[in-house]
Every structure is written in structure tokens, then in C-alpha cells.
Amino acid sequence: KSIQKTIAAARKIGSKSQRSARVLFTYIHNELGGKIKFWIAGGSHTPP
């Protein structure tokens, strides 16, 4: 739970500052290759 709370707080910061989010979530970015610049969704509605 303590880590979940930390992640939730970091996500609030990340939603306001993309630069901060990239730093806070470097591990997640690296798990996805660390190079994704664009996420493009199509074909149907993407849930908010």
C-alpha cells in the first residue's frame, strides 16, 4: 500500500508535468523500450 500511495502521488505530479513524469517513471518507460515518442490509437473510441 505504501508504494501504491507513492505511485498515485507521482501520477498526480506526472499528469501536470510530462517532464517530471518521464523522470518519475523512467523504470516503466524502460520496460516499454524507453523510446516511444508517440502513441497513436485508431479504429474506435479510446476510453478517457
All heavy atoms as atom14 arrays in JSON, in Angstrom:
{
  "sequence": "KSIQKTIAAARKIGSKSQRSARVLFTYIHNELGGKIKFWIAGGSHTPP",
  "atom14_mask": [
    [1, 1, 1, 1, 1, 1, 1, 1, 1, 0, 0, 0, 0, 0],
    [1, 1, 1, 1, 1, 1, 0, 0, 0, 0, 0, 0, 0, 0],
    [1, 1, 1, 1, 1, 1, 1, 1, 0, 0, 0, 0, 0, 0],
    [1, 1, 1, 1, 1, 1, 1, 1, 1, 0, 0, 0, 0, 0],
    [1, 1, 1, 1, 1, 1, 1, 1, 1, 0, 0, 0, 0, 0],
    [1, 1, 1, 1, 1, 1, 1, 0, 0, 0, 0, 0, 0, 0],
    [1, 1, 1, 1, 1, 1, 1, 1, 0, 0, 0, 0, 0, 0],
    [1, 1, 1, 1, 1, 0, 0, 0, 0, 0, 0, 0, 0, 0],
    [1, 1, 1, 1, 1, 0, 0, 0, 0, 0, 0, 0, 0, 0],
    [1, 1, 1, 1, 1, 0, 0, 0, 0, 0, 0, 0, 0, 0],
    [1, 1, 1, 1, 1, 1, 1, 1, 1, 1, 1, 0, 0, 0],
    [1, 1, 1, 1, 1, 1, 1, 1, 1, 0, 0, 0, 0, 0],
    [1, 1, 1, 1, 1, 1, 1, 1, 0, 0, 0, 0, 0, 0],
    [1, 1, 1, 1, 0, 0, 0, 0, 0, 0, 0, 0, 0, 0],
    [1, 1, 1, 1, 1, 1, 0, 0, 0, 0, 0, 0, 0, 0],
    [1, 1, 1, 1, 1, 1, 1, 1, 1, 0, 0, 0, 0, 0],
    [1, 1, 1, 1, 1, 1, 0, 0, 0, 0, 0, 0, 0, 0],
    [1, 1, 1, 1, 1, 1, 1, 1, 1, 0, 0, 0, 0, 0],
    [1, 1, 1, 1, 1, 1, 1, 1, 1, 1, 1, 0, 0, 0],
    [1, 1, 1, 1, 1, 1, 0, 0, 0, 0, 0, 0, 0, 0],
    [1, 1, 1, 1, 1, 0, 0, 0, 0, 0, 0, 0, 0, 0],
    [1, 1, 1, 1, 1, 1, 1, 1, 1, 1, 1, 0, 0, 0],
    [1, 1, 1, 1, 1, 1, 1, 0, 0, 0, 0, 0, 0, 0],
    [1, 1, 1, 1, 1, 1, 1, 1, 0, 0, 0, 0, 0, 0],
    [1, 1, 1, 1, 1, 1, 1, 1, 1, 1, 1, 0, 0, 0],
    [1, 1, 1, 1, 1, 1, 1, 0, 0, 0, 0, 0, 0, 0],
    [1, 1, 1, 1, 1, 1, 1, 1, 1, 1, 1, 1, 0, 0],
    [1, 1, 1, 1, 1, 1, 1, 1, 0, 0, 0, 0, 0, 0],
    [1, 1, 1, 1, 1, 1, 1, 1, 1, 1, 0, 0, 0, 0],
    [1, 1, 1, 1, 1, 1, 1, 1, 0, 0, 0, 0, 0, 0],
    [1, 1, 1, 1, 1, 1, 1, 1, 1, 0, 0, 0, 0, 0],
    [1, 1, 1, 1, 1, 1, 1, 1, 0, 0, 0, 0, 0, 0],
    [1, 1, 1, 1, 0, 0, 0, 0, 0, 0, 0, 0, 0, 0],
    [1, 1, 1, 1, 0, 0, 0, 0, 0, 0, 0, 0, 0, 0],
    [1, 1, 1, 1, 1, 1, 1, 1, 1, 0, 0, 0, 0, 0],
    [1, 1, 1, 1, 1, 1, 1, 1, 0, 0, 0, 0, 0, 0],
    [1, 1, 1, 1, 1, 1, 1, 1, 1, 0, 0, 0, 0, 0],
    [1, 1, 1, 1, 1, 1, 1, 1, 1, 1, 1, 0, 0, 0],
    [1, 1, 1, 1, 1, 1, 1, 1, 1, 1, 1, 1, 1, 1],
    [1, 1, 1, 1, 1, 1, 1, 1, 0, 0, 0, 0, 0, 0],
    [1, 1, 1, 1, 1, 0, 0, 0, 0, 0, 0, 0, 0, 0],
    [1, 1, 1, 1, 0, 0, 0, 0, 0, 0, 0, 0, 0, 0],
    [1, 1, 1, 1, 0, 0, 0, 0, 0, 0, 0, 0, 0, 0],
    [1, 1, 1, 1, 1, 1, 0, 0, 0, 0, 0, 0, 0, 0],
    [1, 1, 1, 1, 1, 1, 1, 1, 1, 1, 0, 0, 0, 0],
    [1, 1, 1, 1, 1, 1, 1, 0, 0, 0, 0, 0, 0, 0],
    [1, 1, 1, 1, 1, 1, 1, 0, 0, 0, 0, 0, 0, 0],
    [1, 1, 1, 1, 1, 1, 1, 0, 0, 0, 0, 0, 0, 0]
  ],
  "atom14_positions": [
    [[0.82, -1.22, 0.0], [0.0, 0.0, 0.0], [0.85, 1.27, 0.0], [0.5, 2.25, -0.64], [-0.95, 0.02, 1.21], [-2.02, -1.04, 1.15], [-3.03, -0.73, 0.08], [-4.11, -1.81, 0.09], [-4.97, -1.73, -1.06], [0.0, 0.0, 0.0], [0.0, 0.0, 0.0], [0.0, 0.0, 0.0], [0.0, 0.0, 0.0], [0.0, 0.0, 0.0]],
    [[1.96, 1.26, 0.71], [2.81, 2.45, 0.77], [3.36, 2.8, -0.61], [3.41, 3.98, -0.99], [3.96, 2.26, 1.76], [4.75, 1.15, 1.38], [0.0, 0.0, 0.0], [0.0, 0.0, 0.0], [0.0, 0.0, 0.0], [0.0, 0.0, 0.0], [0.0, 0.0, 0.0], [0.0, 0.0, 0.0], [0.0, 0.0, 0.0], [0.0, 0.0, 0.0]],
    [[3.74, 1.8, -1.37], [4.24, 2.04, -2.73], [3.1, 2.49, -3.64], [3.28, 3.38, -4.47], [4.96, 0.79, -3.28], [6.22, 0.53, -2.46], [5.29, 0.95, -4.76], [6.96, -0.73, -2.83], [0.0, 0.0, 0.0], [0.0, 0.0, 0.0], [0.0, 0.0, 0.0], [0.0, 0.0, 0.0], [0.0, 0.0, 0.0], [0.0, 0.0, 0.0]],
    [[1.92, 1.91, -3.45], [0.76, 2.32, -4.25], [0.46, 3.81, -4.03], [0.16, 4.54, -4.97], [-0.46, 1.49, -3.9], [-0.38, 0.06, -4.38], [-1.62, -0.74, -4.01], [-2.72, -0.2, -3.94], [-1.45, -2.03, -3.78], [0.0, 0.0, 0.0], [0.0, 0.0, 0.0], [0.0, 0.0, 0.0], [0.0, 0.0, 0.0], [0.0, 0.0, 0.0]],
    [[0.56, 4.26, -2.78], [0.3, 5.66, -2.47], [1.36, 6.55, -3.11], [1.04, 7.63, -3.62], [0.25, 5.88, -0.96], [-0.99, 5.31, -0.31], [-0.99, 5.55, 1.18], [-2.22, 4.92, 1.81], [-2.28, 5.13, 3.25], [0.0, 0.0, 0.0], [0.0, 0.0, 0.0], [0.0, 0.0, 0.0], [0.0, 0.0, 0.0], [0.0, 0.0, 0.0]],
    [[2.6, 6.12, -3.09], [3.68, 6.88, -3.71], [3.47, 6.99, -5.21], [3.64, 8.07, -5.8], [5.05, 6.22, -3.4], [5.22, 6.14, -1.99], [6.19, 7.0, -4.02], [0.0, 0.0, 0.0], [0.0, 0.0, 0.0], [0.0, 0.0, 0.0], [0.0, 0.0, 0.0], [0.0, 0.0, 0.0], [0.0, 0.0, 0.0], [0.0, 0.0, 0.0]],
    [[3.08, 5.89, -5.84], [2.82, 5.9, -7.27], [1.65, 6.82, -7.59], [1.69, 7.59, -8.56], [2.57, 4.47, -7.79], [3.89, 3.68, -7.74], [2.0, 4.49, -9.21], [3.74, 2.2, -8.02], [0.0, 0.0, 0.0], [0.0, 0.0, 0.0], [0.0, 0.0, 0.0], [0.0, 0.0, 0.0], [0.0, 0.0, 0.0], [0.0, 0.0, 0.0]],
    [[0.6, 6.77, -6.78], [-0.57, 7.64, -7.0], [-0.17, 9.11, -6.92], [-0.6, 9.93, -7.75], [-1.66, 7.32, -6.0], [0.0, 0.0, 0.0], [0.0, 0.0, 0.0], [0.0, 0.0, 0.0], [0.0, 0.0, 0.0], [0.0, 0.0, 0.0], [0.0, 0.0, 0.0], [0.0, 0.0, 0.0], [0.0, 0.0, 0.0], [0.0, 0.0, 0.0]],
    [[0.66, 9.46, -5.94], [1.12, 10.85, -5.81], [1.99, 11.24, -7.01], [1.85, 12.35, -7.55], [1.9, 11.01, -4.51], [0.0, 0.0, 0.0], [0.0, 0.0, 0.0], [0.0, 0.0, 0.0], [0.0, 0.0, 0.0], [0.0, 0.0, 0.0], [0.0, 0.0, 0.0], [0.0, 0.0, 0.0], [0.0, 0.0, 0.0], [0.0, 0.0, 0.0]],
    [[2.84, 10.34, -7.43], [3.7, 10.61, -8.59], [2.88, 10.79, -9.86], [3.19, 11.63, -10.71], [4.72, 9.49, -8.77], [0.0, 0.0, 0.0], [0.0, 0.0, 0.0], [0.0, 0.0, 0.0], [0.0, 0.0, 0.0], [0.0, 0.0, 0.0], [0.0, 0.0, 0.0], [0.0, 0.0, 0.0], [0.0, 0.0, 0.0], [0.0, 0.0, 0.0]],
    [[1.8, 10.02, -9.99], [0.94, 10.14, -11.17], [0.23, 11.5, -11.19], [0.01, 12.06, -12.25], [-0.06, 9.0, -11.23], [0.62, 7.69, -11.65], [-0.31, 6.53, -11.64], [-1.35, 6.69, -12.64], [-2.3, 5.78, -12.84], [-2.33, 4.68, -12.12], [-3.21, 5.97, -13.76], [0.0, 0.0, 0.0], [0.0, 0.0, 0.0], [0.0, 0.0, 0.0]],
    [[-0.13, 12.01, -10.02], [-0.74, 13.34, -9.96], [0.25, 14.39, -10.46], [-0.11, 15.29, -11.21], [-1.22, 13.66, -8.55], [-2.47, 12.92, -8.16], [-2.92, 13.3, -6.78], [-4.13, 12.46, -6.4], [-4.58, 12.74, -5.03], [0.0, 0.0, 0.0], [0.0, 0.0, 0.0], [0.0, 0.0, 0.0], [0.0, 0.0, 0.0], [0.0, 0.0, 0.0]],
    [[1.48, 14.26, -10.02], [2.53, 15.17, -10.49], [2.74, 15.0, -11.99], [2.83, 15.97, -12.73], [3.86, 14.93, -9.73], [3.7, 15.3, -8.26], [5.0, 15.69, -10.38], [4.83, 14.84, -7.38], [0.0, 0.0, 0.0], [0.0, 0.0, 0.0], [0.0, 0.0, 0.0], [0.0, 0.0, 0.0], [0.0, 0.0, 0.0], [0.0, 0.0, 0.0]],
    [[2.8, 13.74, -12.42], [3.02, 13.43, -13.83], [1.94, 13.95, -14.74], [2.21, 14.33, -15.88], [0.0, 0.0, 0.0], [0.0, 0.0, 0.0], [0.0, 0.0, 0.0], [0.0, 0.0, 0.0], [0.0, 0.0, 0.0], [0.0, 0.0, 0.0], [0.0, 0.0, 0.0], [0.0, 0.0, 0.0], [0.0, 0.0, 0.0], [0.0, 0.0, 0.0]],
    [[0.7, 13.98, -14.26], [-0.39, 14.47, -15.11], [-0.28, 15.98, -15.34], [-0.83, 16.5, -16.29], [-1.74, 14.12, -14.51], [-1.94, 14.81, -13.3], [0.0, 0.0, 0.0], [0.0, 0.0, 0.0], [0.0, 0.0, 0.0], [0.0, 0.0, 0.0], [0.0, 0.0, 0.0], [0.0, 0.0, 0.0], [0.0, 0.0, 0.0], [0.0, 0.0, 0.0]],
    [[0.47, 16.66, -14.48], [0.64, 18.11, -14.63], [1.94, 18.47, -15.34], [2.05, 19.54, -15.92], [0.61, 18.77, -13.26], [-0.75, 18.64, -12.59], [-0.75, 19.21, -11.21], [-2.12, 18.98, -10.61], [-2.14, 19.13, -9.19], [0.0, 0.0, 0.0], [0.0, 0.0, 0.0], [0.0, 0.0, 0.0], [0.0, 0.0, 0.0], [0.0, 0.0, 0.0]],
    [[2.93, 17.59, -15.27], [4.24, 17.88, -15.86], [4.8, 16.63, -16.54], [5.21, 15.69, -15.86], [5.21, 18.36, -14.78], [6.53, 18.39, -15.28], [0.0, 0.0, 0.0], [0.0, 0.0, 0.0], [0.0, 0.0, 0.0], [0.0, 0.0, 0.0], [0.0, 0.0, 0.0], [0.0, 0.0, 0.0], [0.0, 0.0, 0.0], [0.0, 0.0, 0.0]],
    [[4.82, 16.64, -17.86], [5.33, 15.49, -18.6], [6.82, 15.27, -18.33], [7.27, 14.14, -18.24], [5.08, 15.68, -20.09], [3.63, 15.56, -20.47], [3.09, 14.18, -20.15], [3.41, 13.23, -20.84], [2.29, 14.06, -19.12], [0.0, 0.0, 0.0], [0.0, 0.0, 0.0], [0.0, 0.0, 0.0], [0.0, 0.0, 0.0], [0.0, 0.0, 0.0]],
    [[7.56, 16.33, -18.15], [8.99, 16.19, -17.85], [9.19, 15.47, -16.52], [10.0, 14.56, -16.42], [9.66, 17.56, -17.82], [11.16, 17.48, -17.55], [11.81, 18.79, -17.69], [11.8, 19.11, -19.11], [12.39, 20.15, -19.63], [13.03, 21.0, -18.87], [12.35, 20.37, -20.92], [0.0, 0.0, 0.0], [0.0, 0.0, 0.0], [0.0, 0.0, 0.0]],
    [[8.42, 15.85, -15.52], [8.5, 15.18, -14.21], [8.09, 13.72, -14.32], [8.71, 12.85, -13.72], [7.61, 15.89, -13.2], [8.05, 17.2, -12.98], [0.0, 0.0, 0.0], [0.0, 0.0, 0.0], [0.0, 0.0, 0.0], [0.0, 0.0, 0.0], [0.0, 0.0, 0.0], [0.0, 0.0, 0.0], [0.0, 0.0, 0.0], [0.0, 0.0, 0.0]],
    [[7.04, 13.46, -15.09], [6.56, 12.09, -15.24], [7.63, 11.22, -15.88], [7.81, 10.07, -15.49], [5.29, 12.07, -16.07], [0.0, 0.0, 0.0], [0.0, 0.0, 0.0], [0.0, 0.0, 0.0], [0.0, 0.0, 0.0], [0.0, 0.0, 0.0], [0.0, 0.0, 0.0], [0.0, 0.0, 0.0], [0.0, 0.0, 0.0], [0.0, 0.0, 0.0]],
    [[8.34, 11.75, -16.86], [9.38, 10.96, -17.52], [10.48, 10.58, -16.54], [11.02, 9.49, -16.6], [9.96, 11.73, -18.7], [9.02, 11.76, -19.88], [9.67, 12.39, -21.1], [8.63, 12.8, -22.01], [8.28, 14.06, -22.25], [8.92, 15.05, -21.65], [7.31, 14.33, -23.08], [0.0, 0.0, 0.0], [0.0, 0.0, 0.0], [0.0, 0.0, 0.0]],
    [[10.78, 11.49, -15.63], [11.8, 11.2, -14.61], [11.26, 10.22, -13.58], [11.92, 9.23, -13.24], [12.28, 12.51, -13.93], [13.18, 12.21, -12.75], [12.99, 13.4, -14.94], [0.0, 0.0, 0.0], [0.0, 0.0, 0.0], [0.0, 0.0, 0.0], [0.0, 0.0, 0.0], [0.0, 0.0, 0.0], [0.0, 0.0, 0.0], [0.0, 0.0, 0.0]],
    [[10.06, 10.48, -13.07], [9.47, 9.64, -12.03], [9.21, 8.21, -12.5], [9.29, 7.28, -11.71], [8.17, 10.25, -11.52], [8.3, 11.57, -10.77], [6.92, 12.22, -10.59], [8.96, 11.35, -9.43], [0.0, 0.0, 0.0], [0.0, 0.0, 0.0], [0.0, 0.0, 0.0], [0.0, 0.0, 0.0], [0.0, 0.0, 0.0], [0.0, 0.0, 0.0]],
    [[8.88, 8.05, -13.78], [8.51, 6.74, -14.28], [9.51, 6.2, -15.3], [9.14, 5.47, -16.22], [7.1, 6.79, -14.86], [6.06, 7.1, -13.81], [5.44, 8.33, -13.76], [5.73, 6.15, -12.85], [4.5, 8.62, -12.78], [4.79, 6.42, -11.87], [4.17, 7.66, -11.84], [0.0, 0.0, 0.0], [0.0, 0.0, 0.0], [0.0, 0.0, 0.0]],
    [[10.77, 6.52, -15.11], [11.82, 6.03, -16.01], [11.8, 4.51, -16.1], [11.96, 3.94, -17.18], [13.2, 6.51, -15.53], [13.21, 7.93, -15.56], [14.31, 5.99, -16.42], [0.0, 0.0, 0.0], [0.0, 0.0, 0.0], [0.0, 0.0, 0.0], [0.0, 0.0, 0.0], [0.0, 0.0, 0.0], [0.0, 0.0, 0.0], [0.0, 0.0, 0.0]],
    [[11.58, 3.84, -14.98], [11.57, 2.37, -14.99], [10.49, 1.84, -15.93], [10.74, 0.94, -16.72], [11.35, 1.84, -13.57], [11.19, 0.34, -13.53], [12.31, -0.48, -13.63], [9.94, -0.26, -13.44], [12.18, -1.87, -13.63], [9.8, -1.63, -13.44], [10.93, -2.43, -13.53], [10.79, -3.8, -13.54], [0.0, 0.0, 0.0], [0.0, 0.0, 0.0]],
    [[9.3, 2.42, -15.85], [8.2, 1.97, -16.72], [8.53, 2.26, -18.17], [8.33, 1.42, -19.04], [6.87, 2.64, -16.31], [6.44, 2.11, -14.94], [5.79, 2.39, -17.35], [5.28, 2.83, -14.33], [0.0, 0.0, 0.0], [0.0, 0.0, 0.0], [0.0, 0.0, 0.0], [0.0, 0.0, 0.0], [0.0, 0.0, 0.0], [0.0, 0.0, 0.0]],
    [[9.08, 3.44, -18.43], [9.46, 3.78, -19.8], [10.48, 2.78, -20.34], [10.38, 2.33, -21.49], [10.03, 5.19, -19.87], [9.01, 6.26, -19.65], [8.97, 7.4, -20.39], [7.97, 6.35, -18.79], [7.96, 8.16, -19.99], [7.35, 7.53, -19.01], [0.0, 0.0, 0.0], [0.0, 0.0, 0.0], [0.0, 0.0, 0.0], [0.0, 0.0, 0.0]],
    [[11.44, 2.43, -19.52], [12.46, 1.47, -19.95], [11.87, 0.08, -20.18], [12.32, -0.65, -21.06], [13.61, 1.4, -18.94], [14.45, 2.67, -18.97], [14.45, 3.41, -19.95], [15.14, 2.94, -17.89], [0.0, 0.0, 0.0], [0.0, 0.0, 0.0], [0.0, 0.0, 0.0], [0.0, 0.0, 0.0], [0.0, 0.0, 0.0], [0.0, 0.0, 0.0]],
    [[10.87, -0.28, -19.4], [10.19, -1.57, -19.6], [9.48, -1.63, -20.95], [9.24, -2.7, -21.48], [9.19, -1.85, -18.47], [9.84, -2.29, -17.19], [10.53, -3.63, -17.32], [9.87, -4.61, -17.71], [11.74, -3.69, -17.05], [0.0, 0.0, 0.0], [0.0, 0.0, 0.0], [0.0, 0.0, 0.0], [0.0, 0.0, 0.0], [0.0, 0.0, 0.0]],
    [[9.15, -0.45, -21.49], [8.49, -0.38, -22.79], [9.48, 0.04, -23.88], [9.09, 0.55, -24.92], [7.32, 0.6, -22.74], [6.2, 0.23, -21.76], [5.17, 1.35, -21.68], [5.54, -1.08, -22.17], [0.0, 0.0, 0.0], [0.0, 0.0, 0.0], [0.0, 0.0, 0.0], [0.0, 0.0, 0.0], [0.0, 0.0, 0.0], [0.0, 0.0, 0.0]],
    [[10.75, -0.14, -23.63], [11.77, 0.15, -24.62], [12.43, 1.51, -24.46], [13.5, 1.75, -24.99], [0.0, 0.0, 0.0], [0.0, 0.0, 0.0], [0.0, 0.0, 0.0], [0.0, 0.0, 0.0], [0.0, 0.0, 0.0], [0.0, 0.0, 0.0], [0.0, 0.0, 0.0], [0.0, 0.0, 0.0], [0.0, 0.0, 0.0], [0.0, 0.0, 0.0]],
    [[11.77, 2.42, -23.75], [12.37, 3.72, -23.46], [12.43, 4.69, -24.63], [13.03, 5.75, -24.51], [0.0, 0.0, 0.0], [0.0, 0.0, 0.0], [0.0, 0.0, 0.0], [0.0, 0.0, 0.0], [0.0, 0.0, 0.0], [0.0, 0.0, 0.0], [0.0, 0.0, 0.0], [0.0, 0.0, 0.0], [0.0, 0.0, 0.0], [0.0, 0.0, 0.0]],
    [[11.86, 4.34, -25.76], [11.99, 5.19, -26.95], [10.66, 5.69, -27.5], [10.65, 6.44, -28.47], [12.71, 4.42, -28.07], [14.13, 4.05, -27.75], [14.99, 5.28, -27.75], [16.44, 4.93, -27.48], [17.26, 6.11, -27.34], [0.0, 0.0, 0.0], [0.0, 0.0, 0.0], [0.0, 0.0, 0.0], [0.0, 0.0, 0.0], [0.0, 0.0, 0.0]],
    [[9.54, 5.29, -26.94], [8.25, 5.66, -27.51], [8.03, 7.17, -27.39], [8.06, 7.73, -26.31], [7.08, 4.9, -26.86], [7.24, 3.4, -27.09], [5.74, 5.4, -27.41], [6.19, 2.55, -26.42], [0.0, 0.0, 0.0], [0.0, 0.0, 0.0], [0.0, 0.0, 0.0], [0.0, 0.0, 0.0], [0.0, 0.0, 0.0], [0.0, 0.0, 0.0]],
    [[7.84, 7.8, -28.53], [7.58, 9.24, -28.59], [6.1, 9.52, -28.87], [5.58, 10.53, -28.46], [8.42, 9.89, -29.7], [9.9, 9.68, -29.56], [10.46, 10.48, -28.43], [11.97, 10.3, -28.4], [12.52, 10.26, -27.09], [0.0, 0.0, 0.0], [0.0, 0.0, 0.0], [0.0, 0.0, 0.0], [0.0, 0.0, 0.0], [0.0, 0.0, 0.0]],
    [[5.47, 8.62, -29.6], [4.07, 8.8, -29.98], [3.28, 7.52, -29.78], [3.74, 6.45, -30.15], [3.95, 9.23, -31.46], [4.65, 10.51, -31.78], [5.9, 10.5, -32.36], [4.06, 11.73, -31.48], [6.55, 11.67, -32.65], [4.72, 12.91, -31.76], [5.96, 12.89, -32.35], [0.0, 0.0, 0.0], [0.0, 0.0, 0.0], [0.0, 0.0, 0.0]],
    [[2.1, 7.67, -29.21], [1.13, 6.58, -29.08], [-0.05, 7.0, -29.94], [-0.68, 8.02, -29.68], [0.66, 6.46, -27.63], [1.72, 6.19, -26.62], [2.64, 7.06, -26.15], [1.96, 4.97, -25.96], [3.43, 6.45, -25.22], [3.03, 5.15, -25.08], [1.35, 3.71, -26.01], [3.54, 4.15, -24.27], [1.85, 2.72, -25.18], [2.92, 2.93, -24.34]],
    [[-0.33, 6.25, -30.97], [-1.41, 6.61, -31.88], [-2.46, 5.5, -31.85], [-2.17, 4.35, -32.14], [-0.88, 6.79, -33.32], [0.21, 7.88, -33.32], [-2.03, 7.15, -34.27], [0.97, 7.97, -34.61], [0.0, 0.0, 0.0], [0.0, 0.0, 0.0], [0.0, 0.0, 0.0], [0.0, 0.0, 0.0], [0.0, 0.0, 0.0], [0.0, 0.0, 0.0]],
    [[-3.68, 5.89, -31.46], [-4.78, 4.93, -31.38], [-5.82, 5.28, -32.43], [-6.11, 6.45, -32.66], [-5.41, 4.95, -30.0], [0.0, 0.0, 0.0], [0.0, 0.0, 0.0], [0.0, 0.0, 0.0], [0.0, 0.0, 0.0], [0.0, 0.0, 0.0], [0.0, 0.0, 0.0], [0.0, 0.0, 0.0], [0.0, 0.0, 0.0], [0.0, 0.0, 0.0]],
    [[-6.37, 4.25, -33.05], [-7.4, 4.49, -34.05], [-8.29, 3.28, -34.19], [-8.04, 2.22, -33.61], [0.0, 0.0, 0.0], [0.0, 0.0, 0.0], [0.0, 0.0, 0.0], [0.0, 0.0, 0.0], [0.0, 0.0, 0.0], [0.0, 0.0, 0.0], [0.0, 0.0, 0.0], [0.0, 0.0, 0.0], [0.0, 0.0, 0.0], [0.0, 0.0, 0.0]],
    [[-9.34, 3.45, -34.95], [-10.24, 2.34, -35.21], [-11.48, 2.36, -34.34], [-12.51, 1.81, -34.71], [0.0, 0.0, 0.0], [0.0, 0.0, 0.0], [0.0, 0.0, 0.0], [0.0, 0.0, 0.0], [0.0, 0.0, 0.0], [0.0, 0.0, 0.0], [0.0, 0.0, 0.0], [0.0, 0.0, 0.0], [0.0, 0.0, 0.0], [0.0, 0.0, 0.0]],
    [[-11.38, 2.96, -33.17], [-12.54, 3.12, -32.3], [-12.19, 4.13, -31.21], [-11.07, 4.63, -31.14], [-12.95, 1.77, -31.68], [-11.97, 1.31, -30.79], [0.0, 0.0, 0.0], [0.0, 0.0, 0.0], [0.0, 0.0, 0.0], [0.0, 0.0, 0.0], [0.0, 0.0, 0.0], [0.0, 0.0, 0.0], [0.0, 0.0, 0.0], [0.0, 0.0, 0.0]],
    [[-13.16, 4.4, -30.37], [-13.01, 5.37, -29.29], [-12.03, 4.84, -28.24], [-12.14, 3.71, -27.8], [-14.38, 5.64, -28.66], [-14.33, 6.49, -27.44], [-14.09, 7.84, -27.51], [-14.49, 6.19, -26.14], [-14.1, 8.33, -26.28], [-14.35, 7.35, -25.43], [0.0, 0.0, 0.0], [0.0, 0.0, 0.0], [0.0, 0.0, 0.0], [0.0, 0.0, 0.0]],
    [[-11.08, 5.67, -27.84], [-10.16, 5.31, -26.76], [-10.74, 5.83, -25.45], [-11.02, 7.02, -25.32], [-8.77, 5.94, -26.98], [-8.29, 5.54, -28.27], [-7.79, 5.49, -25.91], [0.0, 0.0, 0.0], [0.0, 0.0, 0.0], [0.0, 0.0, 0.0], [0.0, 0.0, 0.0], [0.0, 0.0, 0.0], [0.0, 0.0, 0.0], [0.0, 0.0, 0.0]],
    [[-10.95, 4.94, -24.47], [-11.52, 5.37, -23.19], [-10.66, 6.46, -22.54], [-9.42, 6.34, -22.51], [-11.52, 4.1, -22.34], [-11.52, 2.99, -23.34], [-10.71, 3.51, -24.5], [0.0, 0.0, 0.0], [0.0, 0.0, 0.0], [0.0, 0.0, 0.0], [0.0, 0.0, 0.0], [0.0, 0.0, 0.0], [0.0, 0.0, 0.0], [0.0, 0.0, 0.0]],
    [[-11.29, 7.5, -22.0], [-10.54, 8.59, -21.37], [-9.6, 8.12, -20.26], [-8.52, 8.68, -20.1], [-11.63, 9.5, -20.81], [-12.82, 9.22, -21.65], [-12.73, 7.76, -22.01], [0.0, 0.0, 0.0], [0.0, 0.0, 0.0], [0.0, 0.0, 0.0], [0.0, 0.0, 0.0], [0.0, 0.0, 0.0], [0.0, 0.0, 0.0], [0.0, 0.0, 0.0]]
  ]
}
